[in-house]
N, C-alpha and C. Protein backbone atom coordinates (compact mmCIF):
# COMPACT_ATOMS: atom_id res chain seq x y z
N MET A 1 95.13 67.37 87.73
CA MET A 1 94.40 66.20 88.21
C MET A 1 94.49 66.16 89.73
N PRO A 2 93.38 65.91 90.44
CA PRO A 2 93.41 65.88 91.89
C PRO A 2 94.39 64.85 92.40
N VAL A 3 94.97 65.14 93.57
CA VAL A 3 95.98 64.24 94.13
C VAL A 3 95.42 62.86 94.36
N LEU A 4 94.17 62.75 94.87
CA LEU A 4 93.59 61.44 95.15
C LEU A 4 93.48 60.62 93.88
N VAL A 5 93.03 61.23 92.80
CA VAL A 5 92.91 60.52 91.53
C VAL A 5 94.28 60.08 91.06
N CYS A 6 95.26 60.98 91.15
CA CYS A 6 96.62 60.67 90.71
C CYS A 6 97.18 59.51 91.51
N THR A 7 96.98 59.52 92.83
CA THR A 7 97.49 58.45 93.68
C THR A 7 96.86 57.12 93.32
N THR A 8 95.55 57.14 93.09
CA THR A 8 94.85 55.91 92.73
C THR A 8 95.37 55.34 91.43
N MET A 9 95.72 56.21 90.50
CA MET A 9 96.14 55.76 89.18
C MET A 9 97.59 55.31 89.14
N LEU A 10 98.34 55.53 90.22
CA LEU A 10 99.76 55.18 90.22
C LEU A 10 100.00 53.71 89.90
N VAL A 11 99.09 52.85 90.38
CA VAL A 11 99.29 51.42 90.17
C VAL A 11 99.12 51.06 88.70
N LEU A 12 98.29 51.82 88.00
CA LEU A 12 98.05 51.52 86.59
C LEU A 12 99.21 51.97 85.72
N THR A 13 99.78 53.10 86.04
CA THR A 13 100.98 53.59 85.37
C THR A 13 101.48 54.79 86.17
N ALA A 14 102.64 55.30 85.87
CA ALA A 14 103.19 56.40 86.65
C ALA A 14 102.37 57.66 86.52
N CYS A 15 102.39 58.49 87.58
CA CYS A 15 101.63 59.74 87.56
C CYS A 15 102.47 60.83 86.91
N GLY A 16 101.97 62.06 86.93
CA GLY A 16 102.69 63.18 86.33
C GLY A 16 102.55 63.18 84.83
N SER A 17 103.67 63.33 84.13
CA SER A 17 103.61 63.45 82.67
C SER A 17 103.15 62.18 82.00
N SER A 18 103.27 61.04 82.69
CA SER A 18 102.87 59.77 82.09
C SER A 18 101.56 59.25 82.65
N THR A 19 100.75 60.13 83.24
CA THR A 19 99.43 59.74 83.73
C THR A 19 98.66 59.07 82.61
N PRO A 20 98.07 57.92 82.85
CA PRO A 20 97.43 57.18 81.76
C PRO A 20 96.16 57.85 81.26
N THR A 21 95.91 57.69 79.99
CA THR A 21 94.62 58.09 79.45
C THR A 21 93.61 56.99 79.75
N ALA A 22 92.34 57.30 79.56
CA ALA A 22 91.32 56.27 79.74
C ALA A 22 91.56 55.11 78.78
N ALA A 23 91.99 55.42 77.56
CA ALA A 23 92.26 54.37 76.58
C ALA A 23 93.38 53.45 77.07
N ASP A 24 94.41 54.03 77.73
CA ASP A 24 95.50 53.22 78.28
C ASP A 24 94.97 52.25 79.32
N VAL A 25 94.14 52.76 80.22
CA VAL A 25 93.62 51.94 81.31
C VAL A 25 92.78 50.79 80.76
N PHE A 26 91.91 51.09 79.81
CA PHE A 26 91.03 50.04 79.30
C PHE A 26 91.77 49.06 78.39
N ALA A 27 92.87 49.49 77.79
CA ALA A 27 93.71 48.55 77.04
C ALA A 27 94.33 47.53 78.00
N LYS A 28 94.82 48.02 79.16
CA LYS A 28 95.37 47.12 80.17
C LYS A 28 94.28 46.22 80.76
N SER A 29 93.10 46.82 80.98
CA SER A 29 92.00 46.05 81.54
C SER A 29 91.55 44.95 80.59
N ARG A 30 91.53 45.27 79.30
CA ARG A 30 91.14 44.26 78.31
C ARG A 30 92.12 43.08 78.32
N LYS A 31 93.42 43.38 78.37
CA LYS A 31 94.41 42.31 78.39
C LYS A 31 94.21 41.40 79.61
N ALA A 32 93.90 42.03 80.76
CA ALA A 32 93.64 41.23 81.96
C ALA A 32 92.39 40.37 81.78
N ALA A 33 91.34 40.95 81.20
CA ALA A 33 90.08 40.22 81.01
C ALA A 33 90.23 39.07 80.03
N GLU A 34 91.11 39.22 79.06
CA GLU A 34 91.31 38.16 78.07
C GLU A 34 91.86 36.89 78.70
N ARG A 35 92.50 37.02 79.85
CA ARG A 35 93.06 35.86 80.52
C ARG A 35 92.08 35.23 81.52
N VAL A 36 90.93 35.87 81.70
CA VAL A 36 89.93 35.36 82.63
C VAL A 36 89.23 34.15 82.01
N ARG A 37 89.03 33.13 82.82
CA ARG A 37 88.31 31.94 82.36
C ARG A 37 86.91 31.85 82.94
N SER A 38 86.69 32.50 84.06
CA SER A 38 85.35 32.49 84.65
C SER A 38 85.23 33.68 85.59
N SER A 39 83.99 34.08 85.83
CA SER A 39 83.77 35.19 86.75
C SER A 39 82.40 35.05 87.39
N SER A 40 82.24 35.71 88.51
CA SER A 40 80.94 35.76 89.18
C SER A 40 80.55 37.21 89.38
N VAL A 41 79.25 37.47 89.40
CA VAL A 41 78.78 38.85 89.44
C VAL A 41 77.38 38.91 90.04
N SER A 42 77.10 39.99 90.74
CA SER A 42 75.75 40.31 91.16
C SER A 42 75.18 41.29 90.14
N ALA A 43 74.05 40.97 89.56
CA ALA A 43 73.55 41.74 88.42
C ALA A 43 72.09 42.16 88.60
N HIS A 44 71.76 43.31 88.01
CA HIS A 44 70.38 43.79 87.93
C HIS A 44 70.21 44.46 86.57
N LEU A 45 69.37 43.88 85.75
CA LEU A 45 69.17 44.36 84.39
C LEU A 45 67.69 44.63 84.15
N THR A 46 67.39 45.80 83.59
CA THR A 46 66.04 46.11 83.13
C THR A 46 66.09 46.37 81.64
N LEU A 47 65.31 45.60 80.89
CA LEU A 47 65.28 45.73 79.44
C LEU A 47 64.43 46.92 79.02
N GLU A 48 64.57 47.28 77.75
CA GLU A 48 63.81 48.42 77.22
C GLU A 48 62.30 48.21 77.35
N ASP A 49 61.86 46.94 77.25
CA ASP A 49 60.42 46.66 77.34
C ASP A 49 59.92 46.59 78.78
N GLY A 50 60.79 46.86 79.75
CA GLY A 50 60.38 46.91 81.14
C GLY A 50 60.62 45.63 81.92
N ARG A 51 60.90 44.53 81.24
CA ARG A 51 61.19 43.29 81.95
C ARG A 51 62.50 43.42 82.71
N SER A 52 62.52 42.85 83.92
CA SER A 52 63.67 43.04 84.79
C SER A 52 64.10 41.71 85.39
N VAL A 53 65.39 41.61 85.70
CA VAL A 53 65.93 40.39 86.29
C VAL A 53 67.10 40.78 87.18
N MET A 54 67.27 40.07 88.30
CA MET A 54 68.39 40.37 89.20
C MET A 54 68.82 39.09 89.90
N GLY A 55 70.09 39.04 90.31
CA GLY A 55 70.57 37.89 91.04
C GLY A 55 72.06 37.68 90.84
N GLY A 56 72.55 36.53 91.27
CA GLY A 56 73.97 36.21 91.16
C GLY A 56 74.22 35.23 90.04
N LEU A 57 75.29 35.48 89.27
CA LEU A 57 75.61 34.65 88.11
C LEU A 57 77.06 34.23 88.12
N PHE A 58 77.31 33.06 87.54
CA PHE A 58 78.65 32.59 87.21
C PHE A 58 78.70 32.45 85.70
N VAL A 59 79.69 33.04 85.06
CA VAL A 59 79.84 32.92 83.60
C VAL A 59 81.26 32.44 83.30
N ASP A 60 81.44 31.81 82.13
CA ASP A 60 82.77 31.35 81.76
C ASP A 60 83.05 31.65 80.29
N ASP A 61 84.29 31.35 79.88
CA ASP A 61 84.70 31.72 78.53
C ASP A 61 84.23 30.71 77.48
N HIS A 62 83.43 29.72 77.89
CA HIS A 62 82.79 28.82 76.94
C HIS A 62 81.39 29.31 76.57
N GLY A 63 80.97 30.41 77.16
CA GLY A 63 79.63 30.92 76.90
C GLY A 63 78.59 30.40 77.86
N SER A 64 79.02 29.61 78.86
CA SER A 64 78.07 29.09 79.85
C SER A 64 77.72 30.17 80.87
N CYS A 65 76.59 29.98 81.51
CA CYS A 65 76.11 30.94 82.50
C CYS A 65 75.17 30.21 83.44
N GLU A 66 75.32 30.42 84.73
CA GLU A 66 74.40 29.78 85.67
C GLU A 66 74.22 30.66 86.90
N GLY A 67 73.08 30.50 87.55
CA GLY A 67 72.83 31.26 88.76
C GLY A 67 71.38 31.20 89.17
N ASP A 68 71.07 31.91 90.24
CA ASP A 68 69.70 32.04 90.75
C ASP A 68 69.26 33.46 90.50
N LEU A 69 68.14 33.62 89.80
CA LEU A 69 67.66 34.93 89.39
C LEU A 69 66.25 35.18 89.91
N THR A 70 66.00 36.45 90.21
CA THR A 70 64.66 36.90 90.60
C THR A 70 64.10 37.78 89.50
N PHE A 71 62.86 37.53 89.14
CA PHE A 71 62.16 38.33 88.15
C PHE A 71 61.06 39.08 88.89
N PRO A 72 61.25 40.38 89.16
CA PRO A 72 60.30 41.12 89.98
C PRO A 72 58.86 40.92 89.52
N ARG A 73 58.00 40.64 90.48
CA ARG A 73 56.57 40.39 90.25
C ARG A 73 56.34 39.14 89.41
N ALA A 74 57.39 38.30 89.24
CA ALA A 74 57.22 37.11 88.40
C ALA A 74 57.99 35.91 88.93
N GLY A 75 58.42 35.93 90.19
CA GLY A 75 59.02 34.75 90.78
C GLY A 75 60.53 34.65 90.61
N THR A 76 61.05 33.47 90.95
CA THR A 76 62.49 33.23 90.90
C THR A 76 62.77 31.94 90.13
N ALA A 77 64.03 31.79 89.71
CA ALA A 77 64.39 30.59 88.95
C ALA A 77 65.89 30.35 89.05
N THR A 78 66.25 29.08 88.98
CA THR A 78 67.64 28.70 88.76
C THR A 78 67.82 28.55 87.27
N VAL A 79 68.86 29.16 86.72
CA VAL A 79 69.06 29.15 85.27
C VAL A 79 70.43 28.58 84.94
N LEU A 80 70.51 27.97 83.76
CA LEU A 80 71.74 27.38 83.27
C LEU A 80 71.76 27.51 81.76
N VAL A 81 72.78 28.20 81.25
CA VAL A 81 72.95 28.35 79.81
C VAL A 81 74.18 27.54 79.41
N VAL A 82 73.98 26.56 78.53
CA VAL A 82 75.06 25.72 78.03
C VAL A 82 74.92 25.62 76.52
N GLY A 83 75.90 26.12 75.79
CA GLY A 83 75.81 26.10 74.34
C GLY A 83 74.61 26.89 73.85
N ALA A 84 73.79 26.26 73.01
CA ALA A 84 72.62 26.94 72.43
C ALA A 84 71.35 26.68 73.23
N ARG A 85 71.47 26.14 74.44
CA ARG A 85 70.30 25.80 75.24
C ARG A 85 70.26 26.62 76.52
N VAL A 86 69.06 26.97 76.93
CA VAL A 86 68.82 27.64 78.21
C VAL A 86 67.90 26.74 79.02
N TYR A 87 68.37 26.34 80.19
CA TYR A 87 67.58 25.50 81.09
C TYR A 87 67.15 26.34 82.28
N VAL A 88 65.85 26.25 82.60
CA VAL A 88 65.29 27.07 83.67
C VAL A 88 64.43 26.20 84.58
N LYS A 89 64.71 26.25 85.87
CA LYS A 89 63.85 25.58 86.85
C LYS A 89 63.23 26.66 87.72
N GLY A 90 61.98 27.01 87.40
CA GLY A 90 61.35 28.14 88.04
C GLY A 90 60.37 27.76 89.13
N ASP A 91 60.14 28.70 90.04
CA ASP A 91 59.11 28.48 91.05
C ASP A 91 57.74 28.75 90.44
N ASP A 92 56.69 28.61 91.26
CA ASP A 92 55.33 28.77 90.73
C ASP A 92 55.11 30.16 90.13
N GLY A 93 55.67 31.18 90.78
CA GLY A 93 55.48 32.53 90.26
C GLY A 93 56.10 32.71 88.89
N TYR A 94 57.31 32.19 88.71
CA TYR A 94 57.96 32.31 87.42
C TYR A 94 57.19 31.54 86.34
N LEU A 95 56.80 30.31 86.65
CA LEU A 95 56.06 29.51 85.67
C LEU A 95 54.72 30.16 85.31
N GLU A 96 54.05 30.72 86.31
CA GLU A 96 52.77 31.37 86.07
C GLU A 96 52.92 32.60 85.18
N SER A 97 54.07 33.27 85.28
CA SER A 97 54.27 34.47 84.47
C SER A 97 54.48 34.16 82.99
N LEU A 98 54.84 32.92 82.69
CA LEU A 98 55.15 32.57 81.30
C LEU A 98 54.17 31.60 80.66
N PHE A 99 53.60 30.68 81.46
CA PHE A 99 52.88 29.57 80.87
C PHE A 99 51.44 29.48 81.34
N ALA A 100 50.61 28.89 80.48
CA ALA A 100 49.24 28.57 80.85
C ALA A 100 49.25 27.43 81.88
N GLU A 101 48.13 27.23 82.52
CA GLU A 101 48.08 26.33 83.68
C GLU A 101 48.58 24.92 83.37
N GLY A 102 48.11 24.33 82.28
CA GLY A 102 48.51 22.96 81.96
C GLY A 102 50.01 22.83 81.74
N GLU A 103 50.60 23.80 81.07
CA GLU A 103 52.03 23.74 80.78
C GLU A 103 52.86 23.95 82.04
N ARG A 104 52.44 24.88 82.90
CA ARG A 104 53.24 25.08 84.11
C ARG A 104 53.11 23.89 85.05
N ASP A 105 51.97 23.20 85.04
CA ASP A 105 51.85 21.98 85.84
C ASP A 105 52.80 20.91 85.32
N ARG A 106 52.95 20.83 84.01
CA ARG A 106 53.83 19.84 83.40
C ARG A 106 55.30 20.13 83.72
N LEU A 107 55.66 21.42 83.76
CA LEU A 107 57.06 21.80 83.95
C LEU A 107 57.47 21.91 85.41
N ARG A 108 56.51 21.96 86.33
CA ARG A 108 56.82 22.19 87.73
C ARG A 108 57.80 21.13 88.25
N GLY A 109 58.90 21.60 88.84
CA GLY A 109 59.91 20.70 89.40
C GLY A 109 60.92 20.19 88.41
N SER A 110 60.78 20.53 87.14
CA SER A 110 61.71 20.08 86.10
C SER A 110 62.47 21.26 85.50
N TRP A 111 63.50 20.94 84.76
CA TRP A 111 64.20 21.95 83.98
C TRP A 111 63.45 22.17 82.68
N ALA A 112 63.00 23.39 82.43
CA ALA A 112 62.39 23.73 81.15
C ALA A 112 63.51 24.06 80.16
N ASP A 113 63.44 23.47 78.98
CA ASP A 113 64.50 23.61 77.99
C ASP A 113 64.06 24.58 76.89
N PHE A 114 64.85 25.65 76.68
CA PHE A 114 64.58 26.66 75.66
C PHE A 114 65.77 26.76 74.70
N ASP A 115 65.50 27.16 73.47
CA ASP A 115 66.58 27.58 72.59
C ASP A 115 67.07 28.93 73.05
N VAL A 116 68.37 29.17 72.92
CA VAL A 116 68.96 30.41 73.42
C VAL A 116 68.36 31.65 72.75
N SER A 117 67.77 31.49 71.55
CA SER A 117 67.19 32.62 70.84
C SER A 117 65.73 32.88 71.20
N ASP A 118 65.14 32.06 72.06
CA ASP A 118 63.72 32.20 72.40
C ASP A 118 63.48 33.52 73.14
N PRO A 119 62.54 34.37 72.66
CA PRO A 119 62.27 35.64 73.34
C PRO A 119 61.83 35.48 74.79
N LEU A 120 61.26 34.33 75.16
CA LEU A 120 60.83 34.13 76.53
C LEU A 120 61.99 34.19 77.52
N VAL A 121 63.18 33.80 77.07
CA VAL A 121 64.33 33.81 77.98
C VAL A 121 65.29 34.96 77.66
N GLN A 122 64.81 35.97 76.94
CA GLN A 122 65.68 37.11 76.61
C GLN A 122 66.26 37.79 77.86
N PRO A 123 65.47 37.99 78.93
CA PRO A 123 66.09 38.60 80.12
C PRO A 123 67.26 37.78 80.66
N ILE A 124 67.19 36.46 80.56
CA ILE A 124 68.26 35.60 81.05
C ILE A 124 69.49 35.73 80.15
N THR A 125 69.30 35.59 78.85
CA THR A 125 70.45 35.66 77.95
C THR A 125 71.07 37.06 77.95
N ALA A 126 70.23 38.08 78.12
CA ALA A 126 70.75 39.46 78.14
C ALA A 126 71.60 39.72 79.37
N VAL A 127 71.15 39.26 80.54
CA VAL A 127 71.92 39.51 81.76
C VAL A 127 73.19 38.66 81.77
N CYS A 128 73.13 37.46 81.21
CA CYS A 128 74.34 36.64 81.10
C CYS A 128 75.36 37.31 80.20
N GLU A 129 74.90 37.86 79.09
CA GLU A 129 75.82 38.53 78.16
C GLU A 129 76.43 39.77 78.81
N ALA A 130 75.63 40.52 79.54
CA ALA A 130 76.13 41.72 80.21
C ALA A 130 77.21 41.38 81.23
N ALA A 131 77.12 40.18 81.83
CA ALA A 131 78.04 39.79 82.90
C ALA A 131 79.37 39.25 82.38
N ARG A 132 79.49 39.00 81.10
CA ARG A 132 80.72 38.40 80.58
C ARG A 132 81.88 39.41 80.64
N PRO A 133 83.07 38.96 81.02
CA PRO A 133 84.20 39.88 81.21
C PRO A 133 84.57 40.69 79.97
N MET A 134 84.34 40.15 78.77
CA MET A 134 84.76 40.86 77.57
C MET A 134 83.69 41.82 77.04
N THR A 135 82.47 41.75 77.55
CA THR A 135 81.40 42.60 77.04
C THR A 135 81.70 44.10 77.12
N PRO A 136 82.29 44.62 78.21
CA PRO A 136 82.54 46.07 78.29
C PRO A 136 83.45 46.60 77.19
N PHE A 137 84.26 45.75 76.60
CA PHE A 137 85.26 46.23 75.66
C PHE A 137 84.71 46.38 74.24
N ARG A 138 83.41 46.17 74.10
CA ARG A 138 82.76 46.47 72.84
C ARG A 138 82.43 47.96 72.72
N LEU A 139 82.48 48.66 73.84
CA LEU A 139 82.17 50.09 73.83
C LEU A 139 83.25 50.90 73.11
N ASP A 140 82.82 51.93 72.44
CA ASP A 140 83.76 52.92 71.88
C ASP A 140 84.32 53.72 73.04
N ARG A 141 85.64 53.66 73.23
CA ARG A 141 86.27 54.31 74.37
C ARG A 141 86.82 55.70 74.04
N SER A 142 86.55 56.19 72.86
CA SER A 142 87.15 57.48 72.46
C SER A 142 86.67 58.64 73.34
N ALA A 143 85.48 58.50 73.96
CA ALA A 143 84.96 59.58 74.80
C ALA A 143 84.95 59.23 76.29
N THR A 144 85.62 58.14 76.67
CA THR A 144 85.70 57.76 78.08
C THR A 144 86.58 58.75 78.84
N VAL A 145 86.12 59.17 80.02
CA VAL A 145 86.89 60.11 80.83
C VAL A 145 87.01 59.59 82.25
N LEU A 146 88.12 59.93 82.90
CA LEU A 146 88.31 59.63 84.31
C LEU A 146 87.44 60.57 85.13
N ASP A 147 86.57 60.00 85.95
CA ASP A 147 85.62 60.82 86.71
C ASP A 147 86.11 61.08 88.14
N SER A 148 86.64 60.07 88.80
CA SER A 148 87.03 60.23 90.20
C SER A 148 87.85 59.04 90.65
N ALA A 149 88.30 59.09 91.88
CA ALA A 149 88.93 57.95 92.54
C ALA A 149 88.08 57.57 93.73
N SER A 150 88.02 56.28 94.04
CA SER A 150 87.17 55.84 95.13
C SER A 150 87.70 54.50 95.65
N TYR A 151 86.87 53.85 96.47
CA TYR A 151 87.20 52.54 96.99
C TYR A 151 85.97 51.65 96.90
N ILE A 152 86.19 50.38 96.65
CA ILE A 152 85.16 49.36 96.80
C ILE A 152 85.64 48.47 97.94
N ASP A 153 84.96 48.53 99.06
CA ASP A 153 85.48 47.98 100.31
C ASP A 153 86.83 48.67 100.57
N THR A 154 87.93 47.94 100.59
CA THR A 154 89.23 48.57 100.79
C THR A 154 90.05 48.63 99.51
N GLN A 155 89.43 48.26 98.39
CA GLN A 155 90.14 48.22 97.12
C GLN A 155 90.08 49.59 96.43
N PRO A 156 91.24 50.24 96.15
CA PRO A 156 91.18 51.51 95.42
C PRO A 156 90.77 51.28 93.98
N VAL A 157 89.93 52.15 93.47
CA VAL A 157 89.45 52.05 92.10
C VAL A 157 89.49 53.42 91.43
N ALA A 158 89.64 53.40 90.13
CA ALA A 158 89.47 54.60 89.31
C ALA A 158 88.11 54.49 88.63
N VAL A 159 87.32 55.55 88.72
CA VAL A 159 85.95 55.53 88.19
C VAL A 159 85.92 56.29 86.87
N PHE A 160 85.40 55.63 85.84
CA PHE A 160 85.34 56.21 84.50
C PHE A 160 83.89 56.32 84.04
N LYS A 161 83.64 57.30 83.18
CA LYS A 161 82.32 57.46 82.57
C LYS A 161 82.47 57.46 81.05
N THR A 162 81.53 56.76 80.38
CA THR A 162 81.54 56.63 78.93
C THR A 162 80.13 56.84 78.40
N PRO A 163 79.94 57.63 77.34
CA PRO A 163 78.62 57.70 76.72
C PRO A 163 78.19 56.31 76.25
N GLY A 164 77.00 55.91 76.65
CA GLY A 164 76.53 54.58 76.30
C GLY A 164 75.54 54.61 75.16
N PRO A 165 75.13 53.45 74.68
CA PRO A 165 74.15 53.38 73.60
C PRO A 165 72.81 53.94 74.04
N GLY A 166 72.12 54.59 73.14
CA GLY A 166 70.80 55.12 73.45
C GLY A 166 70.81 56.35 74.31
N GLY A 167 71.96 57.03 74.42
CA GLY A 167 72.01 58.26 75.19
C GLY A 167 72.29 58.09 76.66
N GLY A 168 72.58 56.87 77.11
CA GLY A 168 72.86 56.65 78.51
C GLY A 168 74.31 56.91 78.85
N THR A 169 74.65 56.71 80.11
CA THR A 169 76.02 56.86 80.59
C THR A 169 76.45 55.57 81.27
N VAL A 170 77.61 55.06 80.88
CA VAL A 170 78.18 53.87 81.49
C VAL A 170 79.22 54.31 82.51
N THR A 171 79.09 53.85 83.74
CA THR A 171 80.04 54.16 84.81
C THR A 171 80.73 52.87 85.22
N GLU A 172 82.07 52.89 85.23
CA GLU A 172 82.83 51.69 85.54
C GLU A 172 83.92 51.98 86.55
N SER A 173 84.08 51.10 87.51
CA SER A 173 85.13 51.20 88.52
C SER A 173 86.18 50.16 88.21
N VAL A 174 87.41 50.62 87.91
CA VAL A 174 88.51 49.74 87.53
C VAL A 174 89.50 49.65 88.69
N SER A 175 89.89 48.46 89.03
CA SER A 175 90.83 48.27 90.12
C SER A 175 92.13 49.00 89.85
N ALA A 176 92.59 49.77 90.83
CA ALA A 176 93.84 50.50 90.70
C ALA A 176 94.96 49.83 91.49
N LYS A 177 94.71 48.61 91.97
CA LYS A 177 95.72 47.84 92.69
C LYS A 177 95.63 46.41 92.20
N GLY A 178 96.76 45.85 91.80
CA GLY A 178 96.73 44.52 91.23
C GLY A 178 96.27 44.56 89.78
N LYS A 179 95.59 43.54 89.34
CA LYS A 179 95.14 43.49 87.95
C LYS A 179 94.00 44.48 87.73
N PRO A 180 94.02 45.22 86.62
CA PRO A 180 93.03 46.29 86.41
C PRO A 180 91.68 45.77 85.93
N TYR A 181 91.06 44.94 86.75
CA TYR A 181 89.75 44.42 86.42
C TYR A 181 88.67 45.48 86.62
N ILE A 182 87.59 45.38 85.86
CA ILE A 182 86.40 46.18 86.12
C ILE A 182 85.65 45.50 87.27
N LEU A 183 85.49 46.21 88.38
CA LEU A 183 84.88 45.63 89.58
C LEU A 183 83.41 45.98 89.72
N GLU A 184 82.99 47.11 89.14
CA GLU A 184 81.58 47.49 89.13
C GLU A 184 81.30 48.16 87.80
N ARG A 185 80.05 48.01 87.34
CA ARG A 185 79.66 48.61 86.06
C ARG A 185 78.17 48.91 86.10
N SER A 186 77.81 50.10 85.66
CA SER A 186 76.38 50.44 85.60
C SER A 186 76.10 51.24 84.34
N GLU A 187 74.87 51.16 83.89
CA GLU A 187 74.44 51.91 82.71
C GLU A 187 73.02 52.40 82.96
N PHE A 188 72.85 53.71 82.91
CA PHE A 188 71.54 54.31 83.16
C PHE A 188 71.30 55.42 82.16
N GLY A 189 70.04 55.73 81.95
CA GLY A 189 69.67 56.86 81.11
C GLY A 189 69.48 56.53 79.66
N GLY A 190 69.74 55.32 79.26
CA GLY A 190 69.53 54.92 77.87
C GLY A 190 68.32 54.00 77.78
N LYS A 191 68.47 52.95 76.98
CA LYS A 191 67.38 51.99 76.82
C LYS A 191 67.53 50.91 77.88
N GLY A 192 66.71 50.97 78.92
CA GLY A 192 66.85 50.05 80.03
C GLY A 192 67.94 50.51 80.97
N SER A 193 68.30 49.65 81.92
CA SER A 193 69.34 49.97 82.88
C SER A 193 70.09 48.71 83.27
N LEU A 194 71.31 48.90 83.76
CA LEU A 194 72.17 47.77 84.10
C LEU A 194 73.00 48.14 85.32
N SER A 195 73.12 47.21 86.24
CA SER A 195 74.00 47.39 87.39
C SER A 195 74.70 46.07 87.67
N LEU A 196 76.04 46.07 87.66
CA LEU A 196 76.83 44.88 87.96
C LEU A 196 77.76 45.21 89.12
N SER A 197 77.82 44.36 90.12
CA SER A 197 78.69 44.60 91.27
C SER A 197 79.23 43.27 91.78
N ARG A 198 80.12 43.37 92.78
CA ARG A 198 80.77 42.19 93.36
C ARG A 198 81.33 41.28 92.26
N MET A 199 81.99 41.89 91.29
CA MET A 199 82.55 41.14 90.17
C MET A 199 83.90 40.56 90.57
N THR A 200 84.02 39.24 90.51
CA THR A 200 85.27 38.55 90.82
C THR A 200 85.67 37.68 89.64
N TYR A 201 86.97 37.45 89.49
CA TYR A 201 87.50 36.79 88.30
C TYR A 201 88.42 35.65 88.67
N SER A 202 88.49 34.66 87.77
CA SER A 202 89.33 33.50 88.01
C SER A 202 89.96 33.03 86.70
N THR A 203 91.17 32.50 86.80
CA THR A 203 91.80 31.88 85.63
C THR A 203 91.58 30.37 85.63
N ARG A 204 90.92 29.87 86.68
CA ARG A 204 90.57 28.45 86.72
C ARG A 204 89.14 28.28 86.20
N LEU A 205 88.89 27.10 85.64
CA LEU A 205 87.60 26.92 85.01
C LEU A 205 87.05 25.52 85.26
N GLU A 206 85.85 25.48 85.79
CA GLU A 206 85.09 24.24 85.89
C GLU A 206 83.75 24.51 85.20
N PRO A 207 83.68 24.25 83.89
CA PRO A 207 82.50 24.66 83.13
C PRO A 207 81.24 23.93 83.59
N PRO A 208 80.12 24.63 83.65
CA PRO A 208 78.85 23.97 83.97
C PRO A 208 78.49 22.96 82.89
N VAL A 209 77.72 21.98 83.28
CA VAL A 209 77.24 20.98 82.33
C VAL A 209 75.72 21.00 82.32
N ALA A 210 75.14 20.52 81.24
CA ALA A 210 73.68 20.46 81.13
C ALA A 210 73.11 19.52 82.19
N PRO A 211 71.91 19.78 82.67
CA PRO A 211 71.30 18.89 83.66
C PRO A 211 71.02 17.52 83.04
N PRO A 212 70.86 16.48 83.87
CA PRO A 212 70.56 15.14 83.35
C PRO A 212 69.30 15.15 82.48
N ALA A 213 69.37 14.42 81.38
CA ALA A 213 68.27 14.45 80.40
C ALA A 213 66.93 14.06 81.01
N GLN A 214 66.94 13.15 81.97
CA GLN A 214 65.68 12.70 82.55
C GLN A 214 64.98 13.79 83.36
N GLY A 215 65.72 14.85 83.70
CA GLY A 215 65.10 15.94 84.45
C GLY A 215 64.75 17.14 83.61
N VAL A 216 64.84 17.01 82.27
CA VAL A 216 64.64 18.14 81.37
C VAL A 216 63.40 17.91 80.52
N LEU A 217 62.57 18.94 80.40
CA LEU A 217 61.39 18.89 79.54
C LEU A 217 61.41 20.07 78.59
N PRO A 218 61.07 19.86 77.31
CA PRO A 218 61.00 20.98 76.37
C PRO A 218 59.87 21.92 76.75
N ALA A 219 60.11 23.22 76.65
CA ALA A 219 59.03 24.20 76.89
C ALA A 219 58.20 24.32 75.63
N HIS A 220 56.93 24.04 75.71
CA HIS A 220 56.04 24.06 74.55
C HIS A 220 55.54 25.47 74.29
N ARG A 221 55.78 25.97 73.10
CA ARG A 221 55.35 27.33 72.77
C ARG A 221 53.84 27.48 72.81
N ASP A 222 53.08 26.42 72.52
CA ASP A 222 51.63 26.54 72.55
C ASP A 222 51.10 26.59 73.97
N GLY A 223 51.99 26.43 74.97
CA GLY A 223 51.55 26.53 76.35
C GLY A 223 51.90 27.86 76.99
N VAL A 224 52.39 28.80 76.16
CA VAL A 224 52.75 30.11 76.69
C VAL A 224 51.50 30.87 77.11
N ALA A 225 51.56 31.53 78.26
CA ALA A 225 50.41 32.30 78.74
C ALA A 225 50.12 33.44 77.78
N ALA A 226 48.86 33.74 77.58
CA ALA A 226 48.46 34.84 76.69
C ALA A 226 48.81 36.16 77.32
């Protein structure tokens, strides 16, 4: 094993004969993630159908998610996921991409209320799910390999590669100093693509709450743009 990689991994466990396997590292990382109560992340997700979303998100262990997202060629929106509801306050471009004229006029300036299972908000729910700290640990780690050692800013990281679903490759940078959090994660070459960066974690939690009822309007399915 190269000296740089070995040095980076020292914080995770001793080098030499006790150099950790990828499974060891991700077992430690999972334990650290289980204690996380909230996290923030910069995300860019492209779904298999070509729809794309990017922006900054805050997620917590209650399943909440909030942030400002950009939908390329379709505007921007502030989003809030609380329980089984998705609230979206979109600009004109976002509303125009989803709704017919009368419906977008009705929703302009208000929070549009969707069920979390509504296909219209799939890009939102998908990127929120990807950003959750426990999501990476659903992967089968039996084929994960240590690829290299690197730095994110001044933070040493160990970089791992894992075969992903649909034939893609998942690349993850795990902190090699302090708690072994996943600090960056990307998935390319499979169905869609994913890039997560600037991932920070907290054990403190101030869960988001739903917007005031007077500012919320149900999104009417019969007003969806053709």
